[in-house]
N, C-alpha and C. Protein backbone atom coordinates (compact mmCIF):
# COMPACT_ATOMS: atom_id res chain seq x y z
N MET A 1 -162.13 -86.39 -41.96
CA MET A 1 -160.85 -87.70 -41.76
C MET A 1 -161.85 -88.83 -42.45
N ASP A 2 -160.72 -89.72 -43.51
CA ASP A 2 -161.47 -90.70 -44.19
C ASP A 2 -161.33 -92.11 -43.41
N ILE A 3 -162.17 -92.66 -44.29
CA ILE A 3 -162.08 -94.41 -43.43
C ILE A 3 -160.93 -95.10 -43.13
N PHE A 4 -159.88 -94.75 -43.88
CA PHE A 4 -158.70 -95.23 -43.91
C PHE A 4 -157.99 -94.68 -42.43
N THR A 5 -157.74 -93.21 -42.62
CA THR A 5 -157.23 -92.67 -41.33
C THR A 5 -157.87 -93.19 -40.07
N LYS A 6 -159.32 -93.24 -40.13
CA LYS A 6 -159.86 -93.52 -38.86
C LYS A 6 -159.48 -95.11 -38.85
N GLY A 7 -159.36 -96.13 -39.68
CA GLY A 7 -159.02 -97.40 -39.27
C GLY A 7 -157.52 -97.39 -38.57
N LEU A 8 -156.75 -96.52 -39.12
CA LEU A 8 -155.46 -96.43 -38.49
C LEU A 8 -155.55 -96.02 -37.24
N TRP A 9 -156.26 -95.15 -36.92
CA TRP A 9 -156.45 -94.42 -35.46
C TRP A 9 -157.08 -96.05 -34.35
N LEU A 10 -157.69 -96.25 -35.12
CA LEU A 10 -158.52 -97.81 -34.03
C LEU A 10 -157.57 -98.85 -33.92
N ILE A 11 -156.55 -99.10 -35.11
CA ILE A 11 -155.46 -100.31 -34.91
C ILE A 11 -154.65 -99.82 -34.07
N THR A 12 -154.05 -98.10 -34.03
CA THR A 12 -153.22 -97.76 -33.47
C THR A 12 -153.75 -97.65 -31.54
N GLY A 13 -154.93 -97.19 -31.58
CA GLY A 13 -155.59 -97.34 -30.19
C GLY A 13 -155.71 -98.80 -29.63
N ILE A 14 -155.78 -99.47 -30.24
CA ILE A 14 -156.07 -101.12 -30.05
C ILE A 14 -154.72 -101.48 -29.25
N TRP A 15 -153.53 -100.99 -30.16
CA TRP A 15 -152.33 -101.76 -29.90
C TRP A 15 -151.73 -101.34 -28.71
N PHE A 16 -152.04 -99.68 -28.61
CA PHE A 16 -151.61 -98.95 -27.23
C PHE A 16 -152.10 -99.75 -26.16
N ILE A 17 -153.67 -99.98 -26.00
CA ILE A 17 -154.12 -100.97 -24.89
C ILE A 17 -153.52 -101.98 -24.64
N VAL A 18 -153.33 -102.39 -25.58
CA VAL A 18 -152.43 -103.97 -25.54
C VAL A 18 -151.28 -104.03 -25.01
N SER A 19 -150.57 -102.97 -25.63
CA SER A 19 -149.09 -102.84 -24.77
C SER A 19 -149.30 -102.05 -23.40
N MET A 20 -150.24 -101.29 -23.04
CA MET A 20 -150.26 -100.75 -21.76
C MET A 20 -150.90 -102.02 -20.86
N ILE A 21 -151.61 -103.14 -21.11
CA ILE A 21 -151.95 -104.36 -20.47
C ILE A 21 -150.71 -104.64 -20.24
N LYS A 22 -149.94 -105.21 -21.35
CA LYS A 22 -148.90 -106.25 -20.98
C LYS A 22 -147.83 -105.85 -20.29
N ASP A 23 -147.44 -104.34 -20.47
CA ASP A 23 -146.56 -104.03 -19.85
C ASP A 23 -146.69 -102.17 -19.29
N LYS A 24 -147.02 -101.94 -18.68
CA LYS A 24 -147.53 -100.27 -18.45
C LYS A 24 -146.25 -99.63 -18.51
N LYS A 25 -145.06 -99.93 -17.52
CA LYS A 25 -144.02 -99.24 -17.62
C LYS A 25 -143.32 -99.08 -19.02
N LYS A 26 -142.98 -100.04 -19.57
CA LYS A 26 -142.29 -99.77 -20.86
C LYS A 26 -142.88 -99.04 -21.85
N THR A 27 -144.58 -98.97 -22.04
CA THR A 27 -145.41 -98.48 -22.63
C THR A 27 -145.04 -96.64 -22.28
N LEU A 28 -145.05 -96.65 -20.97
CA LEU A 28 -144.79 -95.17 -20.72
C LEU A 28 -143.49 -94.54 -20.84
N ASN A 29 -142.42 -95.59 -20.76
CA ASN A 29 -141.11 -95.34 -21.18
C ASN A 29 -140.90 -94.63 -22.60
N ALA A 30 -141.76 -95.76 -23.45
CA ALA A 30 -141.73 -95.33 -24.97
C ALA A 30 -142.41 -94.37 -25.20
N MET A 31 -143.45 -93.94 -24.57
CA MET A 31 -144.43 -92.61 -24.71
C MET A 31 -143.06 -91.23 -24.32
N LYS A 32 -142.60 -91.51 -23.48
CA LYS A 32 -141.81 -90.39 -22.68
C LYS A 32 -140.57 -90.16 -24.02
N MET A 33 -139.88 -91.40 -24.34
CA MET A 33 -138.57 -91.10 -25.28
C MET A 33 -139.54 -90.90 -26.64
N SER A 34 -140.42 -91.36 -26.64
CA SER A 34 -140.97 -90.62 -28.51
C SER A 34 -141.38 -89.02 -28.39
N LYS A 35 -141.88 -88.81 -27.04
CA LYS A 35 -142.28 -87.01 -26.73
C LYS A 35 -140.81 -86.37 -26.85
N LYS A 36 -139.99 -86.99 -26.28
CA LYS A 36 -138.22 -86.19 -26.51
C LYS A 36 -137.86 -86.13 -27.83
N MET A 37 -138.14 -87.24 -28.57
CA MET A 37 -137.58 -87.20 -29.99
C MET A 37 -138.43 -86.48 -30.70
N MET A 38 -139.78 -86.11 -30.59
CA MET A 38 -140.49 -85.38 -31.36
C MET A 38 -140.18 -83.87 -30.90
N GLY A 39 -139.94 -83.91 -29.59
CA GLY A 39 -139.54 -82.47 -29.11
C GLY A 39 -137.85 -82.05 -29.68
N ASN A 40 -136.99 -82.78 -29.86
CA ASN A 40 -135.89 -82.43 -30.74
C ASN A 40 -136.26 -82.35 -32.35
N MET A 41 -137.14 -82.64 -32.70
CA MET A 41 -137.51 -82.65 -34.14
C MET A 41 -138.34 -81.14 -34.59
N VAL A 42 -139.25 -80.70 -33.54
CA VAL A 42 -140.01 -79.82 -33.90
C VAL A 42 -139.48 -78.58 -35.00
N GLY A 43 -138.37 -78.45 -34.43
CA GLY A 43 -137.72 -77.09 -35.24
C GLY A 43 -137.09 -77.19 -36.35
N GLN A 44 -136.82 -78.81 -36.87
CA GLN A 44 -136.32 -79.03 -38.13
C GLN A 44 -137.81 -79.09 -38.87
N ILE A 45 -138.97 -79.69 -38.39
CA ILE A 45 -139.85 -79.56 -38.95
C ILE A 45 -140.85 -78.43 -39.35
N VAL A 46 -140.73 -77.56 -38.23
CA VAL A 46 -141.09 -76.13 -38.56
C VAL A 46 -140.32 -75.35 -39.46
N GLY A 47 -138.91 -75.62 -39.82
CA GLY A 47 -138.25 -75.11 -40.81
C GLY A 47 -138.55 -75.34 -41.87
N ILE A 48 -138.21 -76.13 -42.11
CA ILE A 48 -138.74 -77.35 -43.62
C ILE A 48 -140.03 -76.98 -43.94
N LEU A 49 -141.28 -77.06 -43.32
CA LEU A 49 -142.62 -76.44 -43.70
C LEU A 49 -142.42 -75.14 -44.20
N PHE A 50 -141.84 -74.41 -43.46
CA PHE A 50 -141.66 -72.84 -43.84
C PHE A 50 -140.81 -72.71 -45.14
N LEU A 51 -139.93 -73.13 -45.55
CA LEU A 51 -139.14 -73.36 -46.68
C LEU A 51 -140.15 -73.86 -47.39
N ILE A 52 -141.07 -74.86 -47.54
CA ILE A 52 -141.52 -75.44 -48.35
C ILE A 52 -142.49 -74.54 -48.95
N GLY A 53 -143.21 -73.82 -47.62
CA GLY A 53 -144.54 -72.69 -47.76
C GLY A 53 -143.74 -71.43 -48.66
N LEU A 54 -142.49 -71.22 -48.53
CA LEU A 54 -141.73 -69.99 -48.94
C LEU A 54 -141.76 -70.36 -50.78
N ILE A 55 -141.08 -71.59 -51.06
CA ILE A 55 -141.27 -72.09 -52.27
C ILE A 55 -142.22 -72.18 -52.91
N LEU A 56 -143.27 -72.83 -52.36
CA LEU A 56 -144.51 -72.64 -52.92
C LEU A 56 -145.25 -71.35 -53.14
N THR A 57 -144.60 -70.47 -52.32
CA THR A 57 -145.18 -68.85 -52.50
C THR A 57 -144.76 -68.27 -53.68
N PHE A 58 -143.32 -68.74 -53.98
CA PHE A 58 -142.69 -67.85 -54.88
C PHE A 58 -142.39 -68.34 -56.58
N ILE A 59 -143.26 -70.05 -56.53
CA ILE A 59 -143.73 -70.57 -57.75
C ILE A 59 -145.07 -70.85 -58.09
N PRO A 60 -145.78 -69.58 -58.71
CA PRO A 60 -146.93 -69.68 -59.15
C PRO A 60 -147.54 -70.90 -59.40
N PRO A 61 -148.66 -71.30 -59.40
CA PRO A 61 -149.53 -72.70 -59.36
C PRO A 61 -149.46 -72.76 -61.07
N HIS A 62 -149.59 -71.55 -61.77
CA HIS A 62 -149.64 -71.99 -63.42
C HIS A 62 -148.41 -72.13 -63.51
N VAL A 63 -147.10 -72.20 -63.14
CA VAL A 63 -146.12 -72.49 -63.68
C VAL A 63 -145.60 -73.74 -63.26
N ILE A 64 -146.38 -74.21 -61.93
CA ILE A 64 -146.52 -76.09 -61.58
C ILE A 64 -147.15 -76.60 -62.75
N LYS A 65 -148.18 -76.04 -62.66
CA LYS A 65 -149.33 -76.46 -63.72
C LYS A 65 -148.37 -76.67 -65.29
N GLU A 66 -148.07 -75.55 -65.91
CA GLU A 66 -147.41 -75.48 -67.21
C GLU A 66 -146.53 -76.63 -67.45
N TYR A 67 -145.28 -77.01 -66.16
CA TYR A 67 -144.19 -77.47 -66.31
C TYR A 67 -144.36 -79.17 -66.14
N LEU A 68 -145.29 -79.09 -64.86
CA LEU A 68 -145.54 -80.68 -64.03
C LEU A 68 -146.56 -80.81 -64.55
N GLY A 69 -147.54 -80.64 -65.40
CA GLY A 69 -149.06 -80.86 -65.79
C GLY A 69 -148.98 -81.81 -66.94
N SER A 70 -149.77 -82.00 -67.42
CA SER A 70 -149.87 -82.94 -68.27
C SER A 70 -149.46 -82.76 -70.06
N SER A 71 -148.86 -81.29 -70.25
CA SER A 71 -148.23 -81.05 -71.51
C SER A 71 -147.13 -82.05 -71.73
N ASN A 72 -146.23 -82.20 -71.39
CA ASN A 72 -145.24 -82.90 -71.40
C ASN A 72 -144.85 -83.88 -70.42
N VAL A 73 -145.42 -84.93 -70.39
CA VAL A 73 -145.30 -85.89 -69.08
C VAL A 73 -144.03 -86.58 -68.95
N ILE A 74 -143.26 -87.19 -70.36
CA ILE A 74 -142.11 -87.36 -70.08
C ILE A 74 -140.99 -86.35 -69.20
N LEU A 75 -140.82 -85.32 -70.38
CA LEU A 75 -139.87 -84.41 -69.87
C LEU A 75 -140.16 -84.02 -68.67
N ALA A 76 -141.53 -84.09 -67.83
CA ALA A 76 -142.11 -83.37 -66.70
C ALA A 76 -141.27 -84.72 -65.63
N THR A 77 -141.52 -86.02 -66.10
CA THR A 77 -141.34 -86.59 -65.28
C THR A 77 -139.60 -87.18 -65.00
N LEU A 78 -139.33 -86.89 -65.94
CA LEU A 78 -137.40 -87.07 -66.09
C LEU A 78 -137.15 -85.97 -65.15
N LEU A 79 -137.79 -84.42 -65.35
CA LEU A 79 -137.27 -83.47 -64.44
C LEU A 79 -137.65 -83.76 -62.88
N SER A 80 -138.38 -84.18 -62.82
CA SER A 80 -138.98 -84.21 -61.17
C SER A 80 -138.30 -85.56 -60.88
N ALA A 81 -137.82 -86.49 -61.27
CA ALA A 81 -136.62 -87.21 -61.03
C ALA A 81 -135.73 -86.80 -60.73
N ALA A 82 -135.16 -86.12 -61.79
CA ALA A 82 -133.69 -85.42 -61.20
C ALA A 82 -133.96 -84.62 -60.11
N LEU A 83 -134.76 -83.98 -59.97
CA LEU A 83 -134.84 -82.98 -58.76
C LEU A 83 -135.12 -83.85 -57.68
N GLY A 84 -135.67 -85.09 -57.64
CA GLY A 84 -135.70 -85.54 -56.26
C GLY A 84 -134.62 -86.78 -56.18
N SER A 85 -133.70 -86.71 -56.97
CA SER A 85 -132.21 -87.41 -56.70
C SER A 85 -131.33 -86.73 -56.12
N ILE A 86 -131.40 -85.02 -56.12
CA ILE A 86 -130.57 -84.54 -55.52
C ILE A 86 -130.94 -83.82 -54.30
N THR A 87 -132.47 -83.70 -54.16
CA THR A 87 -132.99 -83.37 -52.74
C THR A 87 -132.91 -84.08 -51.83
N LEU A 88 -132.64 -83.47 -50.70
CA LEU A 88 -132.39 -84.22 -49.46
C LEU A 88 -133.42 -83.42 -48.42
N ILE A 89 -134.41 -84.39 -48.29
CA ILE A 89 -135.47 -83.83 -47.23
C ILE A 89 -136.22 -85.02 -46.94
N PRO A 90 -136.66 -84.91 -45.49
CA PRO A 90 -137.66 -86.11 -45.00
C PRO A 90 -138.41 -86.32 -45.57
N ALA A 91 -138.82 -87.84 -46.16
CA ALA A 91 -140.67 -88.29 -46.66
C ALA A 91 -141.42 -87.72 -45.97
N PHE A 92 -141.39 -87.63 -44.73
CA PHE A 92 -142.66 -86.99 -44.15
C PHE A 92 -142.66 -85.59 -44.25
N ILE A 93 -142.22 -84.88 -44.83
CA ILE A 93 -142.27 -83.44 -45.16
C ILE A 93 -142.64 -83.54 -47.07
N ALA A 94 -142.01 -84.53 -47.71
CA ALA A 94 -142.12 -84.79 -48.95
C ALA A 94 -143.59 -84.86 -49.38
N PHE A 95 -144.23 -85.55 -48.84
CA PHE A 95 -145.55 -86.55 -48.95
C PHE A 95 -146.63 -84.46 -49.07
N PRO A 96 -146.60 -83.95 -47.74
CA PRO A 96 -147.52 -82.83 -47.73
C PRO A 96 -146.89 -81.90 -49.31
N LEU A 97 -145.61 -82.02 -49.43
CA LEU A 97 -145.17 -81.21 -50.80
C LEU A 97 -145.67 -81.45 -51.76
N VAL A 98 -145.57 -82.90 -52.23
CA VAL A 98 -146.18 -83.37 -53.14
C VAL A 98 -147.70 -83.21 -53.72
N GLY A 99 -148.51 -83.22 -52.19
CA GLY A 99 -149.71 -83.21 -52.23
C GLY A 99 -150.23 -82.05 -52.55
N SER A 100 -149.39 -81.10 -52.10
CA SER A 100 -149.68 -79.30 -52.63
C SER A 100 -149.55 -79.50 -53.93
N ILE A 101 -148.35 -79.90 -54.43
CA ILE A 101 -148.26 -79.64 -56.04
C ILE A 101 -149.28 -80.17 -57.00
N VAL A 102 -149.12 -81.39 -56.65
CA VAL A 102 -150.41 -82.04 -57.15
C VAL A 102 -151.53 -81.36 -57.19
N ASP A 103 -152.25 -80.56 -56.22
CA ASP A 103 -153.61 -79.98 -55.90
C ASP A 103 -153.14 -78.44 -57.01
N MET A 104 -151.93 -78.19 -57.05
CA MET A 104 -151.63 -76.82 -58.04
C MET A 104 -151.76 -77.23 -59.39
N GLY A 105 -151.81 -78.84 -59.72
CA GLY A 105 -152.70 -79.17 -61.19
C GLY A 105 -151.21 -79.90 -61.80
N ALA A 106 -150.32 -80.44 -60.93
CA ALA A 106 -148.74 -81.20 -61.71
C ALA A 106 -149.80 -83.04 -61.66
N SER A 107 -149.16 -83.25 -62.91
CA SER A 107 -149.91 -84.46 -63.09
C SER A 107 -149.16 -85.67 -61.91
N ILE A 108 -149.91 -86.89 -62.17
CA ILE A 108 -149.45 -87.90 -61.00
C ILE A 108 -148.39 -88.49 -61.04
N VAL A 109 -147.87 -88.48 -62.20
CA VAL A 109 -146.59 -89.41 -62.81
C VAL A 109 -145.42 -88.41 -62.50
N PRO A 110 -145.46 -87.02 -62.68
CA PRO A 110 -144.01 -86.47 -62.31
C PRO A 110 -144.16 -86.14 -60.54
N ALA A 111 -145.39 -86.08 -60.12
CA ALA A 111 -145.16 -85.79 -58.59
C ALA A 111 -144.68 -87.38 -58.14
N VAL A 112 -145.09 -88.52 -58.56
CA VAL A 112 -144.66 -89.55 -57.68
C VAL A 112 -143.04 -89.95 -58.36
N ALA A 113 -142.64 -89.59 -59.52
CA ALA A 113 -141.39 -89.72 -59.95
C ALA A 113 -140.54 -88.73 -58.80
N PHE A 114 -140.70 -87.68 -58.26
CA PHE A 114 -139.75 -86.47 -57.57
C PHE A 114 -140.00 -87.67 -56.30
N LEU A 115 -141.16 -87.84 -55.80
CA LEU A 115 -141.40 -88.51 -54.53
C LEU A 115 -140.79 -89.63 -54.29
N THR A 116 -140.41 -90.47 -55.35
CA THR A 116 -140.02 -91.79 -55.19
C THR A 116 -138.41 -92.10 -55.32
N THR A 117 -137.88 -90.79 -56.11
CA THR A 117 -136.32 -90.83 -56.27
C THR A 117 -136.06 -90.02 -55.24
N LEU A 118 -136.96 -89.18 -54.46
CA LEU A 118 -136.70 -88.87 -53.15
C LEU A 118 -136.03 -89.54 -52.40
N THR A 119 -137.08 -90.65 -52.02
CA THR A 119 -136.72 -91.50 -51.03
C THR A 119 -135.83 -92.68 -51.60
N MET A 120 -135.49 -93.03 -52.83
CA MET A 120 -134.58 -94.01 -53.18
C MET A 120 -133.37 -94.05 -53.74
N VAL A 121 -133.41 -92.40 -54.17
CA VAL A 121 -131.62 -92.38 -54.88
C VAL A 121 -131.29 -91.30 -54.17
N GLY A 122 -129.76 -91.49 -53.77
CA GLY A 122 -129.54 -90.64 -53.10
C GLY A 122 -127.98 -90.10 -53.50
N LEU A 123 -128.18 -89.11 -54.52
CA LEU A 123 -126.79 -88.40 -55.15
C LEU A 123 -126.34 -87.73 -54.00
N VAL A 124 -127.05 -86.86 -53.04
CA VAL A 124 -126.45 -86.06 -51.82
C VAL A 124 -125.38 -86.82 -51.07
N THR A 125 -125.96 -88.45 -50.51
CA THR A 125 -125.32 -88.88 -49.93
C THR A 125 -124.22 -90.08 -50.81
N PHE A 126 -124.32 -89.86 -51.67
CA PHE A 126 -123.47 -90.38 -52.73
C PHE A 126 -121.90 -91.11 -52.02
N ASN A 127 -121.32 -89.86 -51.88
CA ASN A 127 -119.70 -90.18 -51.58
C ASN A 127 -119.89 -90.94 -50.12
N LEU A 128 -120.59 -90.89 -48.96
CA LEU A 128 -120.94 -91.49 -47.81
C LEU A 128 -121.20 -93.11 -48.58
N GLU A 129 -122.04 -93.29 -49.09
CA GLU A 129 -122.58 -94.52 -49.60
C GLU A 129 -121.13 -95.51 -50.45
N ARG A 130 -120.53 -94.51 -51.04
CA ARG A 130 -119.30 -95.04 -52.01
C ARG A 130 -118.25 -95.66 -50.92
N GLN A 131 -117.99 -94.53 -49.66
CA GLN A 131 -117.04 -95.01 -48.92
C GLN A 131 -117.22 -96.16 -48.21
N GLU A 132 -118.51 -96.38 -47.96
CA GLU A 132 -119.22 -97.57 -46.83
C GLU A 132 -119.15 -98.90 -47.71
N PHE A 133 -119.53 -99.06 -49.01
CA PHE A 133 -119.84 -100.03 -49.51
C PHE A 133 -119.15 -100.01 -51.01
N GLY A 134 -118.78 -98.99 -51.34
CA GLY A 134 -117.82 -99.18 -52.62
C GLY A 134 -118.58 -98.38 -54.01
N SER A 135 -117.73 -98.21 -54.78
CA SER A 135 -118.32 -97.55 -55.90
C SER A 135 -119.27 -98.29 -56.86
N LYS A 136 -118.89 -99.61 -57.11
CA LYS A 136 -119.89 -100.40 -57.72
C LYS A 136 -120.93 -100.73 -57.46
N PHE A 137 -121.21 -100.82 -56.23
CA PHE A 137 -122.75 -100.94 -55.13
C PHE A 137 -123.15 -99.57 -55.43
N ALA A 138 -122.72 -98.46 -54.94
CA ALA A 138 -123.60 -97.19 -55.23
C ALA A 138 -123.54 -96.77 -56.45
N ILE A 139 -122.97 -96.97 -56.97
CA ILE A 139 -123.32 -96.61 -58.79
C ILE A 139 -124.72 -97.69 -58.85
N ALA A 140 -124.38 -99.07 -58.76
CA ALA A 140 -125.61 -100.03 -59.45
C ALA A 140 -126.88 -99.44 -58.56
N ARG A 141 -126.58 -99.56 -57.19
CA ARG A 141 -128.23 -99.18 -56.49
C ARG A 141 -128.68 -97.71 -56.78
N ASN A 142 -127.93 -96.71 -57.04
CA ASN A 142 -128.58 -95.22 -57.28
C ASN A 142 -129.39 -95.37 -59.07
N SER A 143 -128.60 -96.45 -59.54
CA SER A 143 -128.96 -96.46 -61.17
C SER A 143 -130.23 -97.23 -61.08
N LEU A 144 -130.19 -98.39 -60.60
CA LEU A 144 -131.21 -99.23 -60.24
C LEU A 144 -132.31 -98.63 -59.35
N SER A 145 -132.24 -97.59 -58.76
CA SER A 145 -133.52 -97.39 -58.01
C SER A 145 -133.68 -96.06 -58.84
N PHE A 146 -133.30 -95.28 -59.86
CA PHE A 146 -133.77 -94.37 -60.43
C PHE A 146 -134.19 -94.85 -61.68
N VAL A 147 -134.07 -96.31 -62.07
CA VAL A 147 -134.93 -96.84 -62.98
C VAL A 147 -136.27 -97.57 -62.53
N PHE A 148 -135.87 -98.13 -61.34
CA PHE A 148 -137.30 -98.37 -60.82
C PHE A 148 -138.11 -97.20 -60.20
N ALA A 149 -137.84 -96.28 -59.59
CA ALA A 149 -138.73 -94.87 -59.20
C ALA A 149 -139.38 -94.66 -60.60
N ILE A 150 -138.89 -94.76 -61.64
CA ILE A 150 -139.38 -93.78 -63.18
C ILE A 150 -140.78 -95.07 -63.58
N LEU A 151 -139.96 -96.40 -63.28
CA LEU A 151 -141.26 -97.54 -63.38
C LEU A 151 -142.18 -97.45 -62.67
N ILE A 152 -142.08 -96.92 -61.23
CA ILE A 152 -143.10 -96.75 -60.08
C ILE A 152 -144.19 -95.65 -60.38
N SER A 153 -143.27 -94.54 -60.89
CA SER A 153 -144.20 -93.31 -61.25
C SER A 153 -145.27 -93.73 -62.42
N VAL A 154 -144.52 -94.17 -63.37
CA VAL A 154 -145.59 -94.67 -64.79
C VAL A 154 -146.77 -95.95 -64.29
N ALA A 155 -146.18 -96.92 -63.19
CA ALA A 155 -147.53 -97.53 -62.47
C ALA A 155 -148.61 -97.03 -61.95
N MET A 156 -147.86 -95.80 -61.31
CA MET A 156 -149.17 -95.10 -60.55
C MET A 156 -150.08 -94.27 -61.50
N GLY A 157 -149.41 -94.08 -62.66
CA GLY A 157 -149.92 -92.88 -63.26
C GLY A 157 -150.94 -93.79 -64.04
N VAL A 158 -150.94 -95.21 -64.51
CA VAL A 158 -151.56 -95.98 -65.27
C VAL A 158 -152.62 -96.47 -64.34
N ILE A 159 -152.41 -96.87 -62.96
CA ILE A 159 -153.20 -97.11 -61.97
C ILE A 159 -154.36 -95.88 -61.71
N LEU A 160 -153.83 -94.97 -61.26
CA LEU A 160 -154.63 -93.80 -60.83
C LEU A 160 -155.08 -92.70 -62.39
């Protein structure tokens, strides 16, 4: 476990103790609620993890390295961004998936493009957004989100 994770555990523990001291009943009720919510999500999480494992089993690492590696970063970034824009999976599942893809040889820039468009662009939910906020807003938000996701991925490539 790295120092960052240990620090987060320490901060969480401290705030849990503070919360228990301040109002023990509220804290225990919140813990019960979160346990129930997590219990409701376990089936979905296991299913998604199984699906990710299955996908990664059928896509050999050399294919990921060839298409998402450093050979053609611009094309790989645009392809990853497009795939992330139409994919609808929770972000907490996407992070391990992206980590696995990077471990298989994918470049950071396409991986970050996939992750940022996954969380920022919503082509799957576009119709709902259009109905609630209007076409202009939905198109502008998704377009700007796509552009900024590409800029973020390039910036991450420069930083890392």
